[in-house]
N, C-alpha and C. Protein backbone atom coordinates (compact mmCIF):
# COMPACT_ATOMS: atom_id res chain seq x y z
N UNK A 1 150.59 57.61 149.74
CA UNK A 1 150.63 56.95 148.48
C UNK A 1 151.06 58.34 147.51
N UNK A 2 151.92 58.21 146.51
CA UNK A 2 152.39 59.26 145.48
C UNK A 2 150.99 59.55 144.63
N UNK A 3 150.96 60.73 144.15
CA UNK A 3 150.01 61.19 143.22
C UNK A 3 150.38 60.38 141.80
N UNK A 4 149.17 60.14 141.10
CA UNK A 4 149.53 59.52 139.99
C UNK A 4 149.92 60.60 139.01
N UNK A 5 149.58 61.77 139.00
CA UNK A 5 149.90 62.85 138.25
C UNK A 5 150.01 63.92 139.03
N UNK A 6 151.23 64.68 138.79
CA UNK A 6 151.58 65.77 139.78
C UNK A 6 151.81 67.04 138.65
N UNK A 7 150.73 67.79 138.37
CA UNK A 7 150.93 68.97 137.46
C UNK A 7 151.79 68.59 135.99
N UNK A 8 151.31 67.66 135.48
CA UNK A 8 152.13 67.31 134.39
C UNK A 8 151.70 68.36 133.33
N UNK A 9 152.91 69.12 132.70
CA UNK A 9 152.46 69.93 131.79
C UNK A 9 152.20 69.61 130.40
N UNK A 10 151.20 70.28 129.78
CA UNK A 10 150.32 69.77 128.46
C UNK A 10 151.10 70.82 127.40
N UNK A 11 152.17 70.43 126.77
CA UNK A 11 152.88 71.36 126.00
C UNK A 11 151.82 72.13 124.82
N UNK A 12 151.85 73.23 124.47
CA UNK A 12 151.00 73.67 123.27
C UNK A 12 151.59 73.68 121.96
N UNK A 13 152.61 72.92 121.92
CA UNK A 13 153.36 72.92 120.52
C UNK A 13 153.74 71.38 120.40
N UNK A 14 154.24 70.87 119.13
CA UNK A 14 154.98 69.69 118.91
C UNK A 14 156.20 69.68 119.74
N UNK A 15 156.61 68.49 120.25
CA UNK A 15 157.86 68.23 120.85
C UNK A 15 158.45 66.96 120.34
N UNK A 16 159.66 66.52 120.70
CA UNK A 16 160.17 65.08 120.17
C UNK A 16 160.83 64.56 121.39
N UNK A 17 160.89 63.39 121.60
CA UNK A 17 161.66 62.60 122.48
C UNK A 17 162.31 61.35 121.96
N UNK A 18 163.20 60.79 122.58
CA UNK A 18 163.85 59.46 121.97
C UNK A 18 163.50 58.30 123.05
N UNK A 19 163.15 57.25 122.59
CA UNK A 19 162.47 56.21 123.18
C UNK A 19 163.28 55.14 122.60
N UNK A 20 164.44 54.34 123.42
CA UNK A 20 165.14 53.41 123.01
C UNK A 20 165.68 53.54 121.63
N UNK A 21 166.11 54.61 121.22
CA UNK A 21 166.90 55.15 120.05
C UNK A 21 165.89 55.43 118.96
N UNK A 22 164.76 55.36 119.20
CA UNK A 22 163.56 55.69 118.15
C UNK A 22 163.15 57.18 118.72
N UNK A 23 163.17 58.03 117.40
CA UNK A 23 162.63 59.35 117.79
C UNK A 23 161.22 59.42 117.58
N UNK A 24 160.43 60.00 118.36
CA UNK A 24 159.03 60.05 118.47
C UNK A 24 158.55 61.45 118.59
N UNK A 25 157.61 62.07 117.60
CA UNK A 25 157.33 63.37 117.68
C UNK A 25 155.93 63.18 118.54
N UNK A 26 155.86 64.03 119.42
CA UNK A 26 154.62 64.25 120.35
C UNK A 26 153.69 65.45 119.95
N UNK A 27 152.71 65.38 119.76
CA UNK A 27 151.75 66.41 119.30
C UNK A 27 151.61 67.43 120.38
N UNK A 28 151.01 68.49 120.06
CA UNK A 28 150.39 69.50 121.08
C UNK A 28 149.29 69.17 121.80
N UNK A 29 149.14 69.32 123.02
CA UNK A 29 148.12 69.31 124.01
C UNK A 29 147.89 67.95 124.11
N UNK A 30 148.65 67.12 124.21
CA UNK A 30 148.69 65.76 124.52
C UNK A 30 149.29 65.42 126.05
N UNK A 31 148.63 64.89 126.95
CA UNK A 31 149.01 64.61 128.21
C UNK A 31 149.77 63.27 128.21
N UNK A 32 151.21 63.36 128.31
CA UNK A 32 151.87 62.07 128.25
C UNK A 32 152.51 61.57 129.54
N UNK A 33 152.25 60.36 129.95
CA UNK A 33 152.41 59.69 131.16
C UNK A 33 153.57 58.51 130.59
N UNK A 34 154.28 58.07 132.05
CA UNK A 34 155.16 57.03 131.83
C UNK A 34 154.54 55.80 132.39
N UNK A 35 154.76 54.84 131.65
CA UNK A 35 154.17 53.24 131.93
C UNK A 35 155.21 52.14 131.96
N UNK A 36 154.98 51.18 132.60
CA UNK A 36 155.44 49.85 132.35
C UNK A 36 154.37 49.11 132.38
N UNK A 37 154.47 47.67 131.68
CA UNK A 37 153.78 46.69 131.35
C UNK A 37 154.28 45.45 131.99
N UNK A 38 153.76 44.65 132.87
CA UNK A 38 154.17 43.27 133.26
C UNK A 38 153.09 42.17 132.87
N UNK A 39 153.45 40.88 132.82
CA UNK A 39 152.45 40.00 132.61
C UNK A 39 151.75 39.81 134.13
N UNK A 40 150.49 39.52 133.92
CA UNK A 40 149.47 39.53 134.95
C UNK A 40 150.01 38.84 136.38
N UNK A 41 150.74 37.78 136.04
CA UNK A 41 151.23 37.06 137.24
C UNK A 41 152.27 37.73 138.01
N UNK A 42 152.69 38.84 137.46
CA UNK A 42 153.69 39.63 138.15
C UNK A 42 153.14 40.81 138.90
N UNK A 43 151.83 40.89 138.69
CA UNK A 43 151.23 42.30 139.23
C UNK A 43 151.53 42.70 140.60
N UNK A 44 151.87 41.83 141.55
CA UNK A 44 152.24 42.41 142.68
C UNK A 44 153.70 42.80 143.13
N UNK A 45 154.50 42.47 142.11
CA UNK A 45 155.79 42.68 142.08
C UNK A 45 156.19 44.06 141.48
N UNK A 46 157.17 44.73 141.78
CA UNK A 46 157.64 45.88 140.97
C UNK A 46 158.36 45.66 139.79
N UNK A 47 157.80 46.21 138.56
CA UNK A 47 158.36 46.00 137.41
C UNK A 47 159.80 46.40 137.25
N UNK A 48 160.48 45.61 136.62
CA UNK A 48 161.96 46.15 136.29
C UNK A 48 162.02 46.76 135.01
N UNK A 49 161.14 46.71 134.13
CA UNK A 49 161.26 47.20 132.82
C UNK A 49 161.43 48.80 132.77
N UNK A 50 162.15 49.29 132.00
CA UNK A 50 162.18 50.82 131.85
C UNK A 50 160.80 51.36 131.27
N UNK A 51 160.54 52.66 131.97
CA UNK A 51 159.19 53.19 131.65
C UNK A 51 159.38 53.77 129.99
N UNK A 52 158.12 53.85 129.57
CA UNK A 52 157.99 54.35 128.11
C UNK A 52 156.79 55.17 128.20
N UNK A 53 156.65 56.14 127.14
CA UNK A 53 155.67 57.17 127.28
C UNK A 53 154.30 56.66 126.66
N UNK A 54 153.35 57.13 127.06
CA UNK A 54 151.86 56.77 126.67
C UNK A 54 150.96 58.26 126.88
N UNK A 55 149.94 58.30 126.05
CA UNK A 55 148.96 59.19 125.93
C UNK A 55 147.83 58.91 126.89
N UNK A 56 147.73 59.80 127.79
CA UNK A 56 146.46 59.64 128.70
C UNK A 56 145.21 60.24 127.98
N UNK A 57 144.25 59.58 127.73
CA UNK A 57 143.07 59.87 126.84
C UNK A 57 141.94 59.47 127.53
N UNK A 58 141.25 60.62 128.09
CA UNK A 58 140.04 60.62 128.87
C UNK A 58 138.80 59.96 128.10
N UNK A 59 138.97 60.04 126.89
CA UNK A 59 137.84 59.68 126.03
C UNK A 59 138.00 58.16 125.55
N UNK A 60 139.03 57.49 125.67
CA UNK A 60 139.21 56.05 125.48
C UNK A 60 138.73 55.22 126.34
N UNK A 61 138.00 54.15 126.09
CA UNK A 61 137.14 53.34 126.85
C UNK A 61 138.17 52.15 127.14
N UNK A 62 139.16 51.69 126.33
CA UNK A 62 139.90 50.43 126.76
C UNK A 62 141.03 50.98 127.86
N UNK A 63 141.32 50.11 128.53
CA UNK A 63 142.42 50.44 129.67
C UNK A 63 143.79 50.89 128.93
N UNK A 64 144.12 50.06 128.02
CA UNK A 64 145.45 50.34 127.35
C UNK A 64 145.31 49.88 125.91
N UNK A 65 145.58 50.69 124.94
CA UNK A 65 145.83 50.27 123.41
C UNK A 65 147.33 50.49 123.08
N UNK A 66 148.07 49.28 122.49
CA UNK A 66 149.24 49.45 122.22
C UNK A 66 149.44 48.88 120.96
N UNK A 67 150.54 49.32 120.15
CA UNK A 67 151.00 48.45 118.97
C UNK A 67 151.77 47.26 119.39
N UNK A 68 151.89 46.28 118.72
CA UNK A 68 152.58 45.07 119.03
C UNK A 68 154.21 45.47 119.04
N UNK A 69 154.32 46.39 118.05
CA UNK A 69 155.89 46.71 117.88
C UNK A 69 156.12 47.52 119.47
N UNK A 70 155.44 48.34 120.02
CA UNK A 70 155.66 49.02 121.07
C UNK A 70 155.70 48.15 122.48
N UNK A 71 154.99 47.00 122.26
CA UNK A 71 154.76 46.02 123.48
C UNK A 71 156.31 45.25 123.25
N UNK A 72 156.74 44.93 122.25
CA UNK A 72 158.06 44.02 122.00
C UNK A 72 159.15 44.96 122.31
N UNK A 73 159.34 46.16 121.46
CA UNK A 73 160.45 46.95 121.62
C UNK A 73 160.72 47.91 122.82
N UNK A 74 159.43 48.43 123.47
CA UNK A 74 159.52 49.21 124.56
C UNK A 74 159.25 48.61 125.66
N UNK A 75 158.07 47.95 125.96
CA UNK A 75 157.66 46.98 127.28
C UNK A 75 158.70 45.70 127.30
N UNK A 76 159.44 45.36 126.13
CA UNK A 76 160.04 44.05 126.38
C UNK A 76 159.39 42.98 126.51
N UNK A 77 158.01 42.96 125.93
CA UNK A 77 157.14 41.64 126.07
C UNK A 77 156.86 41.08 125.09
N UNK A 78 156.71 39.69 124.69
CA UNK A 78 156.26 39.03 123.50
C UNK A 78 154.79 39.07 123.67
N UNK A 79 153.87 39.29 122.77
CA UNK A 79 152.48 39.21 122.89
C UNK A 79 152.07 37.81 123.33
N UNK A 80 152.65 36.67 123.03
CA UNK A 80 152.27 35.31 123.41
C UNK A 80 152.54 35.24 124.78
N UNK A 81 153.26 36.11 125.67
CA UNK A 81 153.86 35.82 126.80
C UNK A 81 152.44 36.63 127.84
N UNK A 82 151.48 37.02 127.16
CA UNK A 82 150.19 37.69 127.84
C UNK A 82 149.06 36.82 127.27
N UNK A 83 148.43 36.20 128.46
CA UNK A 83 147.22 35.31 127.95
C UNK A 83 146.11 36.23 127.40
N UNK A 84 145.58 35.59 126.16
CA UNK A 84 144.47 36.13 125.50
C UNK A 84 143.23 35.99 126.45
N UNK A 85 142.45 37.07 126.61
CA UNK A 85 141.30 37.29 127.48
C UNK A 85 139.90 37.67 126.77
N UNK A 86 140.11 37.96 125.54
CA UNK A 86 138.97 38.19 124.57
C UNK A 86 139.54 38.91 123.33
N UNK A 87 138.55 39.60 122.74
CA UNK A 87 138.82 40.27 121.58
C UNK A 87 137.72 41.44 121.30
N UNK A 88 138.27 42.50 120.69
CA UNK A 88 137.33 43.51 120.28
C UNK A 88 137.33 43.75 118.78
N UNK A 89 136.24 44.44 118.12
CA UNK A 89 136.41 44.66 116.85
C UNK A 89 136.56 46.36 116.76
N UNK A 90 137.64 46.62 116.19
CA UNK A 90 137.77 48.21 116.08
C UNK A 90 138.66 48.48 114.77
N UNK A 91 138.15 49.69 114.22
CA UNK A 91 138.71 49.91 112.94
C UNK A 91 138.54 48.87 111.85
N UNK A 92 137.62 48.23 111.98
CA UNK A 92 137.51 46.97 110.89
C UNK A 92 138.28 45.82 111.20
N UNK A 93 139.11 45.77 112.39
CA UNK A 93 139.92 44.66 112.60
C UNK A 93 139.50 43.92 113.85
N UNK A 94 139.93 42.66 114.06
CA UNK A 94 139.61 42.01 115.41
C UNK A 94 141.07 42.28 116.14
N UNK A 95 140.74 42.92 117.37
CA UNK A 95 142.07 43.17 117.95
C UNK A 95 142.01 42.33 119.48
N UNK A 96 142.99 41.48 119.65
CA UNK A 96 143.03 40.63 120.86
C UNK A 96 143.41 41.60 122.11
N UNK A 97 142.68 41.09 123.22
CA UNK A 97 142.79 41.67 124.49
C UNK A 97 143.60 40.52 125.30
N UNK A 98 144.62 41.37 125.97
CA UNK A 98 145.45 40.32 126.79
C UNK A 98 145.77 40.82 128.12
N UNK A 99 145.95 39.76 129.23
CA UNK A 99 145.78 40.20 130.45
C UNK A 99 147.37 40.78 130.65
N UNK A 100 147.40 42.04 131.41
CA UNK A 100 148.74 42.38 131.78
C UNK A 100 148.53 43.52 132.89
N UNK A 101 149.63 43.65 133.46
CA UNK A 101 149.72 44.40 134.84
C UNK A 101 150.01 45.97 133.98
N UNK A 102 149.47 46.74 134.51
CA UNK A 102 149.85 48.31 133.84
C UNK A 102 150.23 49.23 135.01
N UNK A 103 151.54 49.63 135.01
CA UNK A 103 151.91 50.45 136.14
C UNK A 103 152.38 52.04 135.59
N UNK A 104 151.75 52.90 136.24
CA UNK A 104 152.09 54.27 135.81
C UNK A 104 153.42 54.80 136.99
N UNK A 105 154.37 55.39 136.38
CA UNK A 105 155.30 56.00 137.11
C UNK A 105 155.14 57.60 137.33
N UNK A 106 154.77 57.84 138.76
CA UNK A 106 154.64 59.21 138.79
C UNK A 106 155.67 60.19 138.29
N UNK A 107 155.21 61.33 137.95
CA UNK A 107 156.12 62.51 137.42
C UNK A 107 156.77 63.15 138.56
N UNK A 108 157.88 63.80 138.23
CA UNK A 108 158.12 64.97 139.28
C UNK A 108 157.18 65.96 138.99
N UNK A 109 156.87 66.75 139.88
CA UNK A 109 155.82 67.90 139.89
C UNK A 109 156.29 68.68 138.77
N UNK A 110 155.31 69.06 137.64
CA UNK A 110 155.77 69.97 136.56
C UNK A 110 156.42 69.24 135.41
N UNK A 111 156.80 68.33 135.50
CA UNK A 111 157.78 67.58 134.44
C UNK A 111 156.96 66.59 133.83
N UNK A 112 157.24 66.40 132.53
CA UNK A 112 156.60 65.39 131.74
C UNK A 112 157.62 64.18 131.77
N UNK A 113 159.04 64.62 131.60
CA UNK A 113 159.86 63.66 131.32
C UNK A 113 160.68 63.12 132.52
N UNK A 114 160.59 63.76 133.72
CA UNK A 114 161.35 63.48 134.80
C UNK A 114 160.41 62.88 135.85
N UNK A 115 160.81 61.41 136.33
CA UNK A 115 159.95 60.80 137.02
C UNK A 115 160.36 61.05 138.57
N UNK A 116 159.28 60.97 139.55
CA UNK A 116 159.38 61.27 140.87
C UNK A 116 159.86 59.96 141.51
N UNK A 117 160.86 60.11 142.80
CA UNK A 117 161.20 58.76 143.36
C UNK A 117 160.15 58.03 143.90
N UNK A 118 160.50 56.83 144.13
CA UNK A 118 159.38 55.88 144.60
C UNK A 118 159.06 55.00 143.38
N UNK A 119 158.12 53.93 143.94
CA UNK A 119 157.69 52.76 143.04
C UNK A 119 156.61 53.34 142.26
N UNK A 120 156.31 52.59 141.18
CA UNK A 120 155.06 52.85 140.19
C UNK A 120 154.12 52.27 141.04
N UNK A 121 152.90 52.92 140.41
CA UNK A 121 151.53 52.79 140.87
C UNK A 121 150.88 51.65 139.95
N UNK A 122 150.44 50.61 140.48
CA UNK A 122 149.64 49.65 139.63
C UNK A 122 148.29 50.29 139.22
N UNK A 123 147.82 49.92 138.17
CA UNK A 123 146.46 50.29 137.54
C UNK A 123 145.73 49.25 137.38
N UNK A 124 144.50 49.31 137.42
CA UNK A 124 143.26 48.22 137.19
C UNK A 124 143.59 46.78 137.24
N UNK A 125 143.04 46.15 138.13
CA UNK A 125 143.46 44.83 138.33
C UNK A 125 142.68 43.81 137.41
N UNK A 126 141.73 44.10 136.85
CA UNK A 126 140.77 43.37 136.11
C UNK A 126 140.83 43.53 134.58
N UNK A 127 141.49 44.55 133.99
CA UNK A 127 141.50 45.06 132.84
C UNK A 127 142.45 44.29 131.85
N UNK A 128 142.15 44.29 130.68
CA UNK A 128 143.06 43.65 129.59
C UNK A 128 143.55 44.85 128.68
N UNK A 129 144.65 44.76 127.94
CA UNK A 129 145.09 45.67 127.08
C UNK A 129 144.82 45.11 125.78
N UNK A 130 144.75 46.17 124.74
CA UNK A 130 144.21 45.80 123.51
C UNK A 130 145.67 45.94 122.69
N UNK A 131 146.15 44.77 121.94
CA UNK A 131 147.29 44.67 121.13
C UNK A 131 146.99 44.86 119.78
N UNK A 132 147.54 45.76 119.05
CA UNK A 132 147.16 45.87 117.68
C UNK A 132 148.26 45.31 117.17
N UNK A 133 148.12 44.46 115.90
CA UNK A 133 149.12 43.51 115.33
C UNK A 133 150.16 44.15 114.68
N UNK A 134 151.32 43.46 114.27
CA UNK A 134 152.42 44.00 113.60
C UNK A 134 151.82 44.51 112.21
N UNK A 135 152.56 45.64 111.74
CA UNK A 135 151.96 46.30 110.55
C UNK A 135 151.03 47.08 110.35
N UNK A 136 150.27 47.33 111.72
CA UNK A 136 149.09 48.28 111.89
C UNK A 136 149.89 49.59 112.58
N UNK A 137 149.64 50.74 112.02
CA UNK A 137 150.43 51.92 112.45
C UNK A 137 149.54 52.74 113.48
N UNK A 138 148.63 52.05 114.17
CA UNK A 138 147.77 52.72 115.17
C UNK A 138 147.96 51.84 116.56
N UNK A 139 147.73 52.46 117.50
CA UNK A 139 148.03 53.88 117.84
C UNK A 139 149.49 54.38 117.62
N UNK A 140 149.58 55.59 117.36
CA UNK A 140 150.97 56.23 117.08
C UNK A 140 152.05 55.93 118.40
N UNK A 141 151.39 56.29 119.58
CA UNK A 141 152.03 55.94 120.92
C UNK A 141 150.86 55.04 121.78
N UNK A 142 151.36 54.33 122.49
CA UNK A 142 150.40 53.79 123.54
C UNK A 142 149.44 54.65 123.99
N UNK A 143 148.11 54.12 124.22
CA UNK A 143 147.10 55.02 125.01
C UNK A 143 146.47 54.54 126.10
N UNK A 144 146.59 55.15 127.17
CA UNK A 144 146.23 54.78 128.42
C UNK A 144 144.72 55.39 128.57
N UNK A 145 143.52 54.59 128.69
CA UNK A 145 142.30 55.05 128.74
C UNK A 145 141.80 55.62 130.29
N UNK A 146 140.75 56.07 130.22
CA UNK A 146 140.29 56.42 131.57
C UNK A 146 139.85 55.36 132.46
N UNK A 147 139.45 54.24 131.90
CA UNK A 147 138.96 52.94 132.53
C UNK A 147 140.05 52.60 133.66
N UNK A 148 141.22 52.44 133.11
CA UNK A 148 142.34 52.13 134.14
C UNK A 148 142.29 53.02 135.34
N UNK A 149 142.30 54.27 134.96
CA UNK A 149 142.67 55.20 136.21
C UNK A 149 141.49 55.27 137.07
N UNK A 150 140.31 55.12 136.47
CA UNK A 150 139.09 55.28 137.38
C UNK A 150 139.15 54.04 138.41
N UNK A 151 139.48 52.74 137.62
CA UNK A 151 139.46 51.73 138.25
C UNK A 151 140.37 51.69 139.70
N UNK A 152 141.50 52.44 139.45
CA UNK A 152 142.61 52.62 140.32
C UNK A 152 142.24 53.53 141.51
N UNK A 153 141.26 54.54 141.22
CA UNK A 153 141.12 55.66 142.18
C UNK A 153 139.74 55.38 142.71
N UNK A 154 139.13 54.10 142.41
CA UNK A 154 137.86 53.98 143.03
C UNK A 154 136.65 54.77 142.50
N UNK A 155 136.57 55.32 141.20
CA UNK A 155 135.43 56.00 140.97
C UNK A 155 134.22 54.90 140.12
N UNK A 156 134.70 53.81 139.78
CA UNK A 156 133.97 52.88 139.18
C UNK A 156 132.65 52.26 139.94
């Protein structure tokens, strides 16, 4: 099995990347990984979507939080294509939780931007993603929480 992360560099300064023609500024000291998201029913198949960046945040308790804009433009999924499985209250808003498959694309050793050969690795089979509604500018980039990674490697 490929490693989930293989010496991903953590830049000590700001950098910039282009995602589907959109310029995104990355902050210093952020661990960036590449993800795809699929509907839950496609969990066992390899996703055909183009990977997009997300921040790995070990302090985040959700599996994944993402703006509706990122879900539509980057993951190429409509929110209503993912069943609602609950809701949370965060930042004074009710945020819907939707069932989805999360896939991490292993990086080439020592590279944040280049992916290793081979299939993506599915994360967490029972988790939902928190989708922030259109018009909310949070999170700036999708954020993968430690919960999804812990479930994948069997630490829970």
